[in-house]
PDB file of N, CA and C in Angstrom:
ATOM      1  N   MET A   1       0.839  -1.168   0.000  1.00  0.00           N
ATOM      2  CA  MET A   1       0.000   0.000   0.000  1.00  0.00           C
ATOM      3  C   MET A   1       0.891   1.240   0.000  1.00  0.00           C
ATOM      4  N   ASP A   2       0.618   2.175  -0.908  1.00  0.00           N
ATOM      5  CA  ASP A   2       1.402   3.401  -0.995  1.00  0.00           C
ATOM      6  C   ASP A   2       1.071   4.320   0.175  1.00  0.00           C
ATOM      7  N   SER A   3       2.092   5.024   0.638  1.00  0.00           N
ATOM      8  CA  SER A   3       1.827   6.030   1.665  1.00  0.00           C
ATOM      9  C   SER A   3       2.084   7.401   1.053  1.00  0.00           C
ATOM     10  N   TYR A   4       1.421   8.379   1.584  1.00  0.00           N
ATOM     11  CA  TYR A   4       1.532   9.740   1.079  1.00  0.00           C
ATOM     12  C   TYR A   4       2.391  10.564   2.027  1.00  0.00           C
ATOM     13  N   PRO A   5       3.123  11.531   1.497  1.00  0.00           N
ATOM     14  CA  PRO A   5       3.951  12.362   2.368  1.00  0.00           C
ATOM     15  C   PRO A   5       3.060  13.208   3.292  1.00  0.00           C
ATOM     16  N   PRO A   6       3.570  13.616   4.439  1.00  0.00           N
ATOM     17  CA  PRO A   6       2.766  14.430   5.352  1.00  0.00           C
ATOM     18  C   PRO A   6       2.467  15.799   4.742  1.00  0.00           C
ATOM     19  N   VAL A   7       1.380  16.364   5.158  1.00  0.00           N
ATOM     20  CA  VAL A   7       1.004  17.702   4.696  1.00  0.00           C
ATOM     21  C   VAL A   7       1.934  18.708   5.353  1.00  0.00           C
ATOM     22  N   THR A   8       2.568  19.537   4.541  1.00  0.00           N
ATOM     23  CA  THR A   8       3.517  20.508   5.084  1.00  0.00           C
ATOM     24  C   THR A   8       3.128  21.935   4.744  1.00  0.00           C
ATOM     25  N   ALA A   9       1.980  22.126   4.135  1.00  0.00           N
ATOM     26  CA  ALA A   9       1.556  23.468   3.748  1.00  0.00           C
ATOM     27  C   ALA A   9       1.151  24.273   4.973  1.00  0.00           C
ATOM     28  N   SER A  10       1.255  25.572   4.838  1.00  0.00           N
ATOM     29  CA  SER A  10       0.779  26.431   5.931  1.00  0.00           C
ATOM     30  C   SER A  10      -0.660  26.842   5.618  1.00  0.00           C
ATOM     31  N   TYR A  11      -1.406  27.098   6.627  1.00  0.00           N
ATOM     32  CA  TYR A  11      -2.801  27.470   6.473  1.00  0.00           C
ATOM     33  C   TYR A  11      -2.944  28.962   6.738  1.00  0.00           C
ATOM     34  N   PRO A  12      -3.889  29.611   6.051  1.00  0.00           N
ATOM     35  CA  PRO A  12      -4.046  31.063   6.252  1.00  0.00           C
ATOM     36  C   PRO A  12      -4.459  31.376   7.691  1.00  0.00           C
ATOM     37  N   SER A  13      -3.945  32.481   8.198  1.00  0.00           N
ATOM     38  CA  SER A  13      -4.285  32.870   9.569  1.00  0.00           C
ATOM     39  C   SER A  13      -5.458  33.852   9.590  1.00  0.00           C
ATOM     40  N   ASP A  14      -5.885  34.323   8.416  1.00  0.00           N
ATOM     41  CA  ASP A  14      -7.010  35.252   8.356  1.00  0.00           C
ATOM     42  C   ASP A  14      -8.270  34.578   8.898  1.00  0.00           C
ATOM     43  N   PRO A  15      -9.100  35.336   9.604  1.00  0.00           N
ATOM     44  CA  PRO A  15     -10.343  34.739  10.094  1.00  0.00           C
ATOM     45  C   PRO A  15     -11.247  34.349   8.930  1.00  0.00           C
ATOM     46  N   ARG A  16     -11.938  33.255   9.089  1.00  0.00           N
ATOM     47  CA  ARG A  16     -12.839  32.778   8.039  1.00  0.00           C
ATOM     48  C   ARG A  16     -14.229  33.328   8.283  1.00  0.00           C
ATOM     49  N   LEU A  17     -14.899  33.657   7.217  1.00  0.00           N
ATOM     50  CA  LEU A  17     -16.272  34.135   7.331  1.00  0.00           C
ATOM     51  C   LEU A  17     -17.199  32.961   7.621  1.00  0.00           C
ATOM     52  N   PRO A  18     -18.262  33.190   8.385  1.00  0.00           N
ATOM     53  CA  PRO A  18     -19.196  32.100   8.662  1.00  0.00           C
ATOM     54  C   PRO A  18     -19.991  31.739   7.413  1.00  0.00           C
ATOM     55  N   LEU A  19     -20.557  30.555   7.423  1.00  0.00           N
ATOM     56  CA  LEU A  19     -21.431  30.132   6.332  1.00  0.00           C
ATOM     57  C   LEU A  19     -22.670  31.007   6.306  1.00  0.00           C
ATOM     58  N   LEU A  20     -23.327  31.056   5.159  1.00  0.00           N
ATOM     59  CA  LEU A  20     -24.576  31.805   5.056  1.00  0.00           C
ATOM     60  C   LEU A  20     -25.649  31.168   5.921  1.00  0.00           C
ATOM     61  N   THR A  21     -26.501  32.004   6.470  1.00  0.00           N
ATOM     62  CA  THR A  21     -27.671  31.471   7.158  1.00  0.00           C
ATOM     63  C   THR A  21     -28.719  31.137   6.111  1.00  0.00           C
ATOM     64  N   LEU A  22     -29.721  30.386   6.495  1.00  0.00           N
ATOM     65  CA  LEU A  22     -30.792  30.039   5.569  1.00  0.00           C
ATOM     66  C   LEU A  22     -31.511  31.296   5.085  1.00  0.00           C
ATOM     67  N   ASP A  23     -31.757  32.239   5.981  1.00  0.00           N
ATOM     68  CA  ASP A  23     -32.415  33.486   5.584  1.00  0.00           C
ATOM     69  C   ASP A  23     -31.578  34.272   4.575  1.00  0.00           C
ATOM     70  N   GLU A  24     -30.257  34.309   4.775  1.00  0.00           N
ATOM     71  CA  GLU A  24     -29.379  35.009   3.834  1.00  0.00           C
ATOM     72  C   GLU A  24     -29.381  34.318   2.469  1.00  0.00           C
ATOM     73  N   ALA A  25     -29.377  32.998   2.462  1.00  0.00           N
ATOM     74  CA  ALA A  25     -29.398  32.255   1.202  1.00  0.00           C
ATOM     75  C   ALA A  25     -30.709  32.501   0.465  1.00  0.00           C
ATOM     76  N   ARG A  26     -31.822  32.505   1.177  1.00  0.00           N
ATOM     77  CA  ARG A  26     -33.114  32.775   0.535  1.00  0.00           C
ATOM     78  C   ARG A  26     -33.167  34.187  -0.023  1.00  0.00           C
ATOM     79  N   GLU A  27     -32.595  35.150   0.681  1.00  0.00           N
ATOM     80  CA  GLU A  27     -32.556  36.529   0.192  1.00  0.00           C
ATOM     81  C   GLU A  27     -31.695  36.623  -1.071  1.00  0.00           C
ATOM     82  N   ALA A  28     -30.588  35.909  -1.108  1.00  0.00           N
ATOM     83  CA  ALA A  28     -29.739  35.907  -2.303  1.00  0.00           C
ATOM     84  C   ALA A  28     -30.495  35.335  -3.495  1.00  0.00           C
ATOM     85  N   VAL A  29     -31.240  34.259  -3.286  1.00  0.00           N
ATOM     86  CA  VAL A  29     -32.040  33.670  -4.365  1.00  0.00           C
ATOM     87  C   VAL A  29     -33.112  34.659  -4.816  1.00  0.00           C
ATOM     88  N   ARG A  30     -33.748  35.338  -3.879  1.00  0.00           N
ATOM     89  CA  ARG A  30     -34.779  36.324  -4.225  1.00  0.00           C
ATOM     90  C   ARG A  30     -34.183  37.442  -5.080  1.00  0.00           C
ATOM     91  N   LEU A  31     -33.004  37.925  -4.704  1.00  0.00           N
ATOM     92  CA  LEU A  31     -32.368  38.994  -5.470  1.00  0.00           C
ATOM     93  C   LEU A  31     -31.954  38.519  -6.861  1.00  0.00           C
ATOM     94  N   LEU A  32     -31.461  37.295  -6.965  1.00  0.00           N
ATOM     95  CA  LEU A  32     -31.105  36.762  -8.279  1.00  0.00           C
ATOM     96  C   LEU A  32     -32.337  36.699  -9.176  1.00  0.00           C
ATOM     97  N   ARG A  33     -33.468  36.283  -8.622  1.00  0.00           N
ATOM     98  CA  ARG A  33     -34.701  36.226  -9.412  1.00  0.00           C
ATOM     99  C   ARG A  33     -35.130  37.619  -9.840  1.00  0.00           C
ATOM    100  N   HIS A  34     -34.889  38.609  -8.988  1.00  0.00           N
ATOM    101  CA  HIS A  34     -35.254  39.995  -9.308  1.00  0.00           C
ATOM    102  C   HIS A  34     -34.486  40.487 -10.545  1.00  0.00           C
ATOM    103  N   PHE A  35     -33.254  40.077 -10.685  1.00  0.00           N
ATOM    104  CA  PHE A  35     -32.423  40.535 -11.801  1.00  0.00           C
ATOM    105  C   PHE A  35     -32.526  39.656 -13.041  1.00  0.00           C
ATOM    106  N   ALA A  36     -33.331  38.610 -12.989  1.00  0.00           N
ATOM    107  CA  ALA A  36     -33.480  37.723 -14.143  1.00  0.00           C
ATOM    108  C   ALA A  36     -34.244  38.434 -15.250  1.00  0.00           C
ATOM    109  N   ASP A  37     -33.669  38.467 -16.436  1.00  0.00           N
ATOM    110  CA  ASP A  37     -34.337  39.000 -17.618  1.00  0.00           C
ATOM    111  C   ASP A  37     -33.833  38.215 -18.828  1.00  0.00           C
ATOM    112  N   ASP A  38     -34.004  38.755 -20.021  1.00  0.00           N
ATOM    113  CA  ASP A  38     -33.613  38.010 -21.224  1.00  0.00           C
ATOM    114  C   ASP A  38     -32.166  38.238 -21.659  1.00  0.00           C
ATOM    115  N   SER A  39     -31.424  39.053 -20.902  1.00  0.00           N
ATOM    116  CA  SER A  39     -30.007  39.238 -21.228  1.00  0.00           C
ATOM    117  C   SER A  39     -29.230  37.989 -20.811  1.00  0.00           C
ATOM    118  N   LEU A  40     -28.005  37.890 -21.266  1.00  0.00           N
ATOM    119  CA  LEU A  40     -27.159  36.756 -20.884  1.00  0.00           C
ATOM    120  C   LEU A  40     -27.004  36.704 -19.365  1.00  0.00           C
ATOM    121  N   GLU A  41     -26.741  37.865 -18.748  1.00  0.00           N
ATOM    122  CA  GLU A  41     -26.585  37.913 -17.293  1.00  0.00           C
ATOM    123  C   GLU A  41     -27.890  37.561 -16.594  1.00  0.00           C
ATOM    124  N   GLY A  42     -29.009  38.008 -17.143  1.00  0.00           N
ATOM    125  CA  GLY A  42     -30.311  37.710 -16.554  1.00  0.00           C
ATOM    126  C   GLY A  42     -30.650  36.231 -16.620  1.00  0.00           C
ATOM    127  N   ARG A  43     -30.341  35.609 -17.739  1.00  0.00           N
ATOM    128  CA  ARG A  43     -30.575  34.162 -17.858  1.00  0.00           C
ATOM    129  C   ARG A  43     -29.678  33.391 -16.898  1.00  0.00           C
ATOM    130  N   THR A  44     -28.440  33.864 -16.750  1.00  0.00           N
ATOM    131  CA  THR A  44     -27.521  33.228 -15.812  1.00  0.00           C
ATOM    132  C   THR A  44     -28.032  33.389 -14.379  1.00  0.00           C
ATOM    133  N   ALA A  45     -28.523  34.574 -14.039  1.00  0.00           N
ATOM    134  CA  ALA A  45     -29.085  34.806 -12.707  1.00  0.00           C
ATOM    135  C   ALA A  45     -30.290  33.907 -12.468  1.00  0.00           C
ATOM    136  N   ARG A  46     -31.147  33.754 -13.480  1.00  0.00           N
ATOM    137  CA  ARG A  46     -32.333  32.897 -13.357  1.00  0.00           C
ATOM    138  C   ARG A  46     -31.923  31.442 -13.133  1.00  0.00           C
ATOM    139  N   ASP A  47     -30.949  30.978 -13.917  1.00  0.00           N
ATOM    140  CA  ASP A  47     -30.483  29.593 -13.778  1.00  0.00           C
ATOM    141  C   ASP A  47     -29.855  29.352 -12.403  1.00  0.00           C
ATOM    142  N   LEU A  48     -29.036  30.304 -11.951  1.00  0.00           N
ATOM    143  CA  LEU A  48     -28.401  30.161 -10.647  1.00  0.00           C
ATOM    144  C   LEU A  48     -29.441  30.192  -9.526  1.00  0.00           C
ATOM    145  N   ALA A  49     -30.421  31.083  -9.634  1.00  0.00           N
ATOM    146  CA  ALA A  49     -31.479  31.148  -8.626  1.00  0.00           C
ATOM    147  C   ALA A  49     -32.249  29.834  -8.572  1.00  0.00           C
ATOM    148  N   ALA A  50     -32.558  29.260  -9.720  1.00  0.00           N
ATOM    149  CA  ALA A  50     -33.274  27.995  -9.752  1.00  0.00           C
ATOM    150  C   ALA A  50     -32.442  26.886  -9.121  1.00  0.00           C
ATOM    151  N   ASN A  51     -31.159  26.839  -9.469  1.00  0.00           N
ATOM    152  CA  ASN A  51     -30.269  25.799  -8.926  1.00  0.00           C
ATOM    153  C   ASN A  51     -30.164  25.935  -7.408  1.00  0.00           C
ATOM    154  N   LEU A  52     -29.890  27.135  -6.927  1.00  0.00           N
ATOM    155  CA  LEU A  52     -29.753  27.344  -5.488  1.00  0.00           C
ATOM    156  C   LEU A  52     -31.076  27.124  -4.760  1.00  0.00           C
ATOM    157  N   GLY A  53     -32.160  27.578  -5.360  1.00  0.00           N
ATOM    158  CA  GLY A  53     -33.468  27.411  -4.732  1.00  0.00           C
ATOM    159  C   GLY A  53     -33.831  25.947  -4.514  1.00  0.00           C
ATOM    160  N   ARG A  54     -33.461  25.106  -5.450  1.00  0.00           N
ATOM    161  CA  ARG A  54     -33.730  23.664  -5.298  1.00  0.00           C
ATOM    162  C   ARG A  54     -32.922  23.050  -4.161  1.00  0.00           C
ATOM    163  N   ARG A  55     -31.797  23.651  -3.829  1.00  0.00           N
ATOM    164  CA  ARG A  55     -30.910  23.105  -2.813  1.00  0.00           C
ATOM    165  C   ARG A  55     -31.232  23.591  -1.409  1.00  0.00           C
ATOM    166  N   LEU A  56     -32.117  24.582  -1.289  1.00  0.00           N
ATOM    167  CA  LEU A  56     -32.473  25.118   0.039  1.00  0.00           C
ATOM    168  C   LEU A  56     -33.627  24.327   0.629  1.00  0.00           C
ATOM    169  N   PRO A  57     -33.631  24.139   1.928  1.00  0.00           N
ATOM    170  CA  PRO A  57     -34.769  23.478   2.562  1.00  0.00           C
ATOM    171  C   PRO A  57     -36.033  24.304   2.367  1.00  0.00           C
ATOM    172  N   SER A  58     -37.159  23.639   2.193  1.00  0.00           N
ATOM    173  CA  SER A  58     -38.409  24.362   1.935  1.00  0.00           C
ATOM    174  C   SER A  58     -39.045  24.888   3.211  1.00  0.00           C
ATOM    175  N   ALA A  59     -38.689  24.352   4.343  1.00  0.00           N
ATOM    176  CA  ALA A  59     -39.324  24.799   5.601  1.00  0.00           C
ATOM    177  C   ALA A  59     -38.510  25.830   6.307  1.00  0.00           C
TER     178      ALA A  59
END
């Protein structure tokens, strides 16, 4: 069985931002839907909103 060398990289010391809350994620999806139109950016916003919306809990 092959073994891998130990991890020797350094990790960033900057504080990490917390994950989004469910309310923040829903607001982001709402805003993406607001900007959805027939432009390339609007279609991309619509697609992203749909993708993210499917991944959020419904309750």
